[in-house]
């Protein structure tokens, strides 16, 4: 299980650490959108946000699963406590309740899982992969406006793309890995999708993973 201390460390994904006598650098557009935007504002808690998970790899059957976030009002106005059920069965990841959040913590859970999966696949350091992703949000992410089909119409959205391991031999087959985030205010919790893909190489098949918003469900208030 990922402890609360680790979750607190994950919450530092947006700003990189600086020396004590240096002012923090300004956040990039990608950082502001992903980590400083109050994605949960406007939700009528308690409710549950459901997401579909899909992994596709050449030569293997697709893997389908679910992620659920139970969102409840926090003691502090405008903040929420988010209890995750992150995948199921052999793929389950146990994360603690994210307390007092304004942004959608699914981002942090997903990036933590990515770093762990990459570490297991390559034998590299989880910290190294996490740091590379953090730095890519600062200086290698592209942000563009798009339109998104949603609930029978078209809504404005923003797409964030990055390739955090380009030119890094330690990432092995994942040097060409691309991450994609699509956010729209019309989607409850803002996160329409989080995706990753790796093209086929000489010694490995292509694969892709995607987490896509499915629906929001009201929950009964706890006494």
C-alpha atoms as a PDB file:
ATOM      1  CA  UNK A   1       0.000   0.000   0.000  1.00  0.00           C
ATOM      2  CA  UNK A   2       1.195   3.506  -0.787  1.00  0.00           C
ATOM      3  CA  UNK A   3       1.339   5.438   2.486  1.00  0.00           C
ATOM      4  CA  UNK A   4       0.210   8.969   3.206  1.00  0.00           C
ATOM      5  CA  UNK A   5       3.802  10.194   3.265  1.00  0.00           C
ATOM      6  CA  UNK A   6       4.304   8.923  -0.283  1.00  0.00           C
ATOM      7  CA  UNK A   7       1.077  10.572  -1.374  1.00  0.00           C
ATOM      8  CA  UNK A   8       2.281  13.860   0.076  1.00  0.00           C
ATOM      9  CA  UNK A   9       5.492  13.465  -1.906  1.00  0.00           C
ATOM     10  CA  UNK A  10       3.525  12.829  -5.058  1.00  0.00           C
ATOM     11  CA  UNK A  11       1.606  16.045  -4.506  1.00  0.00           C
ATOM     12  CA  UNK A  12       4.877  17.890  -5.100  1.00  0.00           C
ATOM     13  CA  UNK A  13       4.835  16.802  -8.744  1.00  0.00           C
ATOM     14  CA  UNK A  14       4.106  20.294 -10.043  1.00  0.00           C
ATOM     15  CA  UNK A  15       6.849  22.536  -8.653  1.00  0.00           C
ATOM     16  CA  UNK A  16      10.405  21.254  -8.789  1.00  0.00           C
ATOM     17  CA  UNK A  17      12.527  21.686  -5.681  1.00  0.00           C
ATOM     18  CA  UNK A  18      14.765  24.744  -5.557  1.00  0.00           C
ATOM     19  CA  UNK A  19      17.434  25.973  -3.186  1.00  0.00           C
ATOM     20  CA  UNK A  20      16.112  27.704  -0.090  1.00  0.00           C
ATOM     21  CA  UNK A  21      17.490  31.096  -1.176  1.00  0.00           C
ATOM     22  CA  UNK A  22      16.065  30.871  -4.707  1.00  0.00           C
ATOM     23  CA  UNK A  23      12.544  31.921  -5.651  1.00  0.00           C
ATOM     24  CA  UNK A  24      10.529  29.074  -7.124  1.00  0.00           C
ATOM     25  CA  UNK A  25      10.418  29.135 -10.916  1.00  0.00           C
ATOM     26  CA  UNK A  26       7.117  30.082 -12.544  1.00  0.00           C
ATOM     27  CA  UNK A  27       4.915  27.127 -13.326  1.00  0.00           C
ATOM     28  CA  UNK A  28       4.608  26.041 -16.929  1.00  0.00           C
ATOM     29  CA  UNK A  29       1.204  26.047 -18.658  1.00  0.00           C
ATOM     30  CA  UNK A  30       1.088  22.258 -18.343  1.00  0.00           C
ATOM     31  CA  UNK A  31       1.817  22.395 -14.616  1.00  0.00           C
ATOM     32  CA  UNK A  32      -0.815  25.042 -14.003  1.00  0.00           C
ATOM     33  CA  UNK A  33      -3.470  23.108 -15.898  1.00  0.00           C
ATOM     34  CA  UNK A  34      -2.713  19.723 -14.385  1.00  0.00           C
ATOM     35  CA  UNK A  35      -1.675  20.552 -10.840  1.00  0.00           C
ATOM     36  CA  UNK A  36      -2.914  24.034  -9.935  1.00  0.00           C
ATOM     37  CA  UNK A  37      -6.415  24.008 -11.427  1.00  0.00           C
ATOM     38  CA  UNK A  38      -9.296  23.210  -9.001  1.00  0.00           C
ATOM     39  CA  UNK A  39     -10.670  20.328 -11.079  1.00  0.00           C
ATOM     40  CA  UNK A  40     -13.072  19.258  -8.330  1.00  0.00           C
ATOM     41  CA  UNK A  41     -14.717  22.665  -7.910  1.00  0.00           C
ATOM     42  CA  UNK A  42     -18.399  22.588  -8.720  1.00  0.00           C
ATOM     43  CA  UNK A  43     -18.865  18.911  -7.922  1.00  0.00           C
ATOM     44  CA  UNK A  44     -21.886  18.117  -5.779  1.00  0.00           C
ATOM     45  CA  UNK A  45     -20.297  15.744  -3.290  1.00  0.00           C
ATOM     46  CA  UNK A  46     -20.678  13.055  -2.285  1.00  0.00           C
ATOM     47  CA  UNK A  47     -20.355  11.431  -5.668  1.00  0.00           C
ATOM     48  CA  UNK A  48     -18.278   8.809  -7.437  1.00  0.00           C
ATOM     49  CA  UNK A  49     -16.203   9.383 -10.554  1.00  0.00           C
ATOM     50  CA  UNK A  50     -15.802   6.239 -12.660  1.00  0.00           C
ATOM     51  CA  UNK A  51     -13.093   5.697 -15.272  1.00  0.00           C
ATOM     52  CA  UNK A  52     -12.481   2.909 -17.779  1.00  0.00           C
ATOM     53  CA  UNK A  53      -8.967   1.474 -18.122  1.00  0.00           C
ATOM     54  CA  UNK A  54      -7.725  -0.169 -21.322  1.00  0.00           C
ATOM     55  CA  UNK A  55      -4.345  -1.682 -22.180  1.00  0.00           C
ATOM     56  CA  UNK A  56      -3.648  -2.887 -25.702  1.00  0.00           C
ATOM     57  CA  UNK A  57      -0.465  -4.666 -26.771  1.00  0.00           C
ATOM     58  CA  UNK A  58       0.206  -6.342 -30.096  1.00  0.00           C
ATOM     59  CA  UNK A  59      -0.206 -10.111 -29.861  1.00  0.00           C
ATOM     60  CA  UNK A  60      -2.085 -10.023 -26.552  1.00  0.00           C
ATOM     61  CA  UNK A  61      -5.722  -9.786 -25.560  1.00  0.00           C
ATOM     62  CA  UNK A  62      -6.815  -6.304 -24.447  1.00  0.00           C
ATOM     63  CA  UNK A  63      -6.956  -5.702 -20.694  1.00  0.00           C
ATOM     64  CA  UNK A  64      -9.999  -3.818 -19.404  1.00  0.00           C
ATOM     65  CA  UNK A  65     -10.495  -2.611 -15.849  1.00  0.00           C
ATOM     66  CA  UNK A  66     -12.029   0.204 -13.818  1.00  0.00           C
ATOM     67  CA  UNK A  67     -10.950   3.018 -11.523  1.00  0.00           C
ATOM     68  CA  UNK A  68     -13.314   4.680  -9.062  1.00  0.00           C
ATOM     69  CA  UNK A  69     -12.900   7.836  -7.023  1.00  0.00           C
ATOM     70  CA  UNK A  70     -15.291   8.469  -4.126  1.00  0.00           C
ATOM     71  CA  UNK A  71     -15.377  12.249  -3.664  1.00  0.00           C
ATOM     72  CA  UNK A  72     -16.601  13.739  -0.377  1.00  0.00           C
ATOM     73  CA  UNK A  73     -16.527  17.279   0.956  1.00  0.00           C
ATOM     74  CA  UNK A  74     -13.548  18.022   3.191  1.00  0.00           C
ATOM     75  CA  UNK A  75     -13.637  19.961   6.445  1.00  0.00           C
ATOM     76  CA  UNK A  76     -12.098  22.900   4.579  1.00  0.00           C
ATOM     77  CA  UNK A  77     -14.436  24.773   2.245  1.00  0.00           C
ATOM     78  CA  UNK A  78     -13.725  24.189  -1.424  1.00  0.00           C
ATOM     79  CA  UNK A  79     -11.655  21.077  -0.778  1.00  0.00           C
ATOM     80  CA  UNK A  80     -12.458  17.389  -1.071  1.00  0.00           C
ATOM     81  CA  UNK A  81     -11.395  14.028   0.308  1.00  0.00           C
ATOM     82  CA  UNK A  82     -10.975  11.492  -2.479  1.00  0.00           C
ATOM     83  CA  UNK A  83     -10.942   7.750  -1.785  1.00  0.00           C
ATOM     84  CA  UNK A  84      -9.578   5.752  -4.730  1.00  0.00           C
ATOM     85  CA  UNK A  85     -10.241   2.234  -5.945  1.00  0.00           C
ATOM     86  CA  UNK A  86      -7.413   2.093  -8.449  1.00  0.00           C
ATOM     87  CA  UNK A  87      -7.888  -0.944 -10.680  1.00  0.00           C
ATOM     88  CA  UNK A  88      -8.932  -4.381  -9.447  1.00  0.00           C
ATOM     89  CA  UNK A  89      -7.676  -7.933  -8.957  1.00  0.00           C
ATOM     90  CA  UNK A  90      -3.984  -8.531  -9.783  1.00  0.00           C
ATOM     91  CA  UNK A  91      -3.603  -4.959 -11.086  1.00  0.00           C
ATOM     92  CA  UNK A  92      -4.936  -3.186  -7.998  1.00  0.00           C
ATOM     93  CA  UNK A  93      -2.883  -0.337  -6.522  1.00  0.00           C
ATOM     94  CA  UNK A  94      -3.656   0.609  -2.925  1.00  0.00           C
ATOM     95  CA  UNK A  95      -3.565   4.354  -2.326  1.00  0.00           C
ATOM     96  CA  UNK A  96      -4.702   6.241   0.790  1.00  0.00           C
ATOM     97  CA  UNK A  97      -7.486   8.791   0.839  1.00  0.00           C
ATOM     98  CA  UNK A  98      -6.299  12.031  -0.754  1.00  0.00           C
ATOM     99  CA  UNK A  99      -7.477  14.570   1.816  1.00  0.00           C
ATOM    100  CA  UNK A 100      -8.120  18.255   1.254  1.00  0.00           C
ATOM    101  CA  UNK A 101      -7.627  18.238  -2.512  1.00  0.00           C
ATOM    102  CA  UNK A 102      -8.874  20.815  -5.001  1.00  0.00           C
ATOM    103  CA  UNK A 103      -7.348  19.158  -8.057  1.00  0.00           C
ATOM    104  CA  UNK A 104      -8.105  15.666  -9.301  1.00  0.00           C
ATOM    105  CA  UNK A 105      -5.673  13.254  -7.579  1.00  0.00           C
ATOM    106  CA  UNK A 106      -6.165  10.669 -10.323  1.00  0.00           C
ATOM    107  CA  UNK A 107      -3.237  12.427 -11.997  1.00  0.00           C
ATOM    108  CA  UNK A 108      -0.940  11.675  -9.067  1.00  0.00           C
ATOM    109  CA  UNK A 109      -2.092   8.078  -8.718  1.00  0.00           C
ATOM    110  CA  UNK A 110      -1.604   7.429 -12.430  1.00  0.00           C
ATOM    111  CA  UNK A 111       1.845   9.005 -12.605  1.00  0.00           C
ATOM    112  CA  UNK A 112       2.949   7.038  -9.552  1.00  0.00           C
ATOM    113  CA  UNK A 113       1.777   3.795 -11.157  1.00  0.00           C
ATOM    114  CA  UNK A 114       3.536   4.708 -14.401  1.00  0.00           C
ATOM    115  CA  UNK A 115       6.841   5.281 -12.604  1.00  0.00           C
ATOM    116  CA  UNK A 116       6.522   1.983 -10.754  1.00  0.00           C
ATOM    117  CA  UNK A 117       5.612   0.035 -13.891  1.00  0.00           C
ATOM    118  CA  UNK A 118       8.531   1.554 -15.790  1.00  0.00           C
ATOM    119  CA  UNK A 119      10.919   0.778 -12.956  1.00  0.00           C
ATOM    120  CA  UNK A 120       9.770  -2.849 -12.852  1.00  0.00           C
ATOM    121  CA  UNK A 121      10.064  -3.202 -16.637  1.00  0.00           C
ATOM    122  CA  UNK A 122      13.572  -1.730 -16.926  1.00  0.00           C
ATOM    123  CA  UNK A 123      15.190  -2.309 -13.542  1.00  0.00           C
ATOM    124  CA  UNK A 124      15.657   1.438 -13.234  1.00  0.00           C
ATOM    125  CA  UNK A 125      14.887   3.728 -10.332  1.00  0.00           C
ATOM    126  CA  UNK A 126      11.301   4.733  -9.650  1.00  0.00           C
ATOM    127  CA  UNK A 127      12.609   8.099  -8.455  1.00  0.00           C
ATOM    128  CA  UNK A 128      14.478   8.624 -11.724  1.00  0.00           C
ATOM    129  CA  UNK A 129      11.392   7.965 -13.837  1.00  0.00           C
ATOM    130  CA  UNK A 130       9.265  10.197 -11.612  1.00  0.00           C
ATOM    131  CA  UNK A 131      11.828  13.004 -11.820  1.00  0.00           C
ATOM    132  CA  UNK A 132      12.033  12.771 -15.613  1.00  0.00           C
ATOM    133  CA  UNK A 133       8.260  13.076 -15.880  1.00  0.00           C
ATOM    134  CA  UNK A 134       8.241  16.053 -13.502  1.00  0.00           C
ATOM    135  CA  UNK A 135      10.912  17.831 -15.527  1.00  0.00           C
ATOM    136  CA  UNK A 136       9.087  17.143 -18.789  1.00  0.00           C
ATOM    137  CA  UNK A 137       6.043  19.006 -17.470  1.00  0.00           C
ATOM    138  CA  UNK A 138       8.334  22.009 -17.014  1.00  0.00           C
ATOM    139  CA  UNK A 139      10.240  22.149 -20.285  1.00  0.00           C
ATOM    140  CA  UNK A 140       8.997  19.520 -22.744  1.00  0.00           C
ATOM    141  CA  UNK A 141       5.195  19.584 -22.669  1.00  0.00           C
ATOM    142  CA  UNK A 142       3.080  20.975 -25.483  1.00  0.00           C
ATOM    143  CA  UNK A 143      -0.349  22.389 -24.664  1.00  0.00           C
ATOM    144  CA  UNK A 144      -3.018  22.996 -27.272  1.00  0.00           C
ATOM    145  CA  UNK A 145      -6.721  23.750 -27.426  1.00  0.00           C
ATOM    146  CA  UNK A 146      -8.958  21.122 -28.995  1.00  0.00           C
ATOM    147  CA  UNK A 147     -12.644  20.251 -29.168  1.00  0.00           C
ATOM    148  CA  UNK A 148     -13.979  17.093 -27.603  1.00  0.00           C
ATOM    149  CA  UNK A 149     -17.120  15.048 -28.267  1.00  0.00           C
ATOM    150  CA  UNK A 150     -18.995  14.809 -24.974  1.00  0.00           C
ATOM    151  CA  UNK A 151     -22.590  13.901 -24.140  1.00  0.00           C
ATOM    152  CA  UNK A 152     -23.813  14.337 -27.678  1.00  0.00           C
ATOM    153  CA  UNK A 153     -22.094  17.638 -28.362  1.00  0.00           C
ATOM    154  CA  UNK A 154     -18.709  19.305 -28.725  1.00  0.00           C
ATOM    155  CA  UNK A 155     -16.953  20.944 -25.771  1.00  0.00           C
ATOM    156  CA  UNK A 156     -13.700  22.929 -25.542  1.00  0.00           C
ATOM    157  CA  UNK A 157     -10.793  20.969 -24.101  1.00  0.00           C
ATOM    158  CA  UNK A 158      -7.035  21.147 -23.651  1.00  0.00           C
ATOM    159  CA  UNK A 159      -4.510  18.504 -24.655  1.00  0.00           C
ATOM    160  CA  UNK A 160      -1.103  18.113 -23.004  1.00  0.00           C
ATOM    161  CA  UNK A 161       1.531  15.992 -24.772  1.00  0.00           C
ATOM    162  CA  UNK A 162       5.004  15.049 -23.593  1.00  0.00           C
ATOM    163  CA  UNK A 163       7.750  12.540 -24.312  1.00  0.00           C
ATOM    164  CA  UNK A 164       9.664  12.489 -21.030  1.00  0.00           C
ATOM    165  CA  UNK A 165      12.365   9.904 -21.808  1.00  0.00           C
ATOM    166  CA  UNK A 166      13.561  10.887 -25.282  1.00  0.00           C
ATOM    167  CA  UNK A 167      17.304  10.294 -25.722  1.00  0.00           C
ATOM    168  CA  UNK A 168      17.608   8.556 -22.340  1.00  0.00           C
ATOM    169  CA  UNK A 169      19.189   5.071 -22.742  1.00  0.00           C
ATOM    170  CA  UNK A 170      18.172   4.184 -19.184  1.00  0.00           C
ATOM    171  CA  UNK A 171      14.546   4.217 -20.319  1.00  0.00           C
ATOM    172  CA  UNK A 172      15.289   1.473 -22.873  1.00  0.00           C
ATOM    173  CA  UNK A 173      12.242   0.734 -25.042  1.00  0.00           C
ATOM    174  CA  UNK A 174      10.356   3.572 -23.340  1.00  0.00           C
ATOM    175  CA  UNK A 175      12.522   6.351 -24.805  1.00  0.00           C
ATOM    176  CA  UNK A 176       9.765   6.919 -27.368  1.00  0.00           C
ATOM    177  CA  UNK A 177       6.951   6.727 -24.811  1.00  0.00           C
ATOM    178  CA  UNK A 178       4.433   9.525 -25.193  1.00  0.00           C
ATOM    179  CA  UNK A 179       2.004  10.704 -22.499  1.00  0.00           C
ATOM    180  CA  UNK A 180      -1.260  12.457 -23.345  1.00  0.00           C
ATOM    181  CA  UNK A 181      -3.678  14.255 -21.026  1.00  0.00           C
ATOM    182  CA  UNK A 182      -7.028  15.653 -22.151  1.00  0.00           C
ATOM    183  CA  UNK A 183      -8.928  17.968 -19.797  1.00  0.00           C
ATOM    184  CA  UNK A 184     -12.270  19.718 -20.190  1.00  0.00           C
ATOM    185  CA  UNK A 185     -14.213  21.762 -17.668  1.00  0.00           C
ATOM    186  CA  UNK A 186     -17.446  20.158 -18.908  1.00  0.00           C
ATOM    187  CA  UNK A 187     -16.244  16.745 -17.675  1.00  0.00           C
ATOM    188  CA  UNK A 188     -16.818  16.146 -13.940  1.00  0.00           C
ATOM    189  CA  UNK A 189     -13.353  16.243 -12.388  1.00  0.00           C
ATOM    190  CA  UNK A 190     -12.012  17.734 -15.666  1.00  0.00           C
ATOM    191  CA  UNK A 191     -10.039  14.628 -16.676  1.00  0.00           C
ATOM    192  CA  UNK A 192     -11.419  13.209 -19.894  1.00  0.00           C
ATOM    193  CA  UNK A 193      -8.470  10.884 -20.504  1.00  0.00           C
ATOM    194  CA  UNK A 194      -4.912  10.007 -19.543  1.00  0.00           C
ATOM    195  CA  UNK A 195      -2.980   7.933 -22.057  1.00  0.00           C
ATOM    196  CA  UNK A 196       0.450   6.503 -22.777  1.00  0.00           C
ATOM    197  CA  UNK A 197       1.784   4.781 -25.858  1.00  0.00           C
ATOM    198  CA  UNK A 198       5.008   3.195 -27.051  1.00  0.00           C
ATOM    199  CA  UNK A 199       5.571   2.471 -30.747  1.00  0.00           C
ATOM    200  CA  UNK A 200       6.825  -0.913 -31.906  1.00  0.00           C
ATOM    201  CA  UNK A 201      10.584  -1.452 -32.029  1.00  0.00           C
ATOM    202  CA  UNK A 202      12.911  -4.112 -33.379  1.00  0.00           C
ATOM    203  CA  UNK A 203      12.588  -6.203 -30.234  1.00  0.00           C
ATOM    204  CA  UNK A 204       9.227  -5.191 -28.767  1.00  0.00           C
ATOM    205  CA  UNK A 205       5.613  -4.710 -29.861  1.00  0.00           C
ATOM    206  CA  UNK A 206       3.655  -1.491 -29.649  1.00  0.00           C
ATOM    207  CA  UNK A 207       1.406  -0.928 -26.666  1.00  0.00           C
ATOM    208  CA  UNK A 208      -0.926   1.725 -25.351  1.00  0.00           C
ATOM    209  CA  UNK A 209      -2.825   2.379 -22.127  1.00  0.00           C
ATOM    210  CA  UNK A 210      -5.686   4.784 -21.621  1.00  0.00           C
ATOM    211  CA  UNK A 211      -7.847   5.871 -18.710  1.00  0.00           C
ATOM    212  CA  UNK A 212     -11.095   7.468 -19.891  1.00  0.00           C
ATOM    213  CA  UNK A 213     -13.838   9.158 -17.877  1.00  0.00           C
ATOM    214  CA  UNK A 214     -16.977   6.998 -17.912  1.00  0.00           C
ATOM    215  CA  UNK A 215     -19.568   8.708 -15.712  1.00  0.00           C
ATOM    216  CA  UNK A 216     -20.322  10.312 -12.360  1.00  0.00           C
ATOM    217  CA  UNK A 217     -22.715   8.745  -9.851  1.00  0.00           C
ATOM    218  CA  UNK A 218     -24.246  10.380  -6.758  1.00  0.00           C
ATOM    219  CA  UNK A 219     -23.488   8.650  -3.459  1.00  0.00           C
ATOM    220  CA  UNK A 220     -25.404   8.583  -0.207  1.00  0.00           C
ATOM    221  CA  UNK A 221     -24.118  10.998   2.388  1.00  0.00           C
ATOM    222  CA  UNK A 222     -22.374   9.332   5.310  1.00  0.00           C
ATOM    223  CA  UNK A 223     -23.699  10.231   8.762  1.00  0.00           C
END
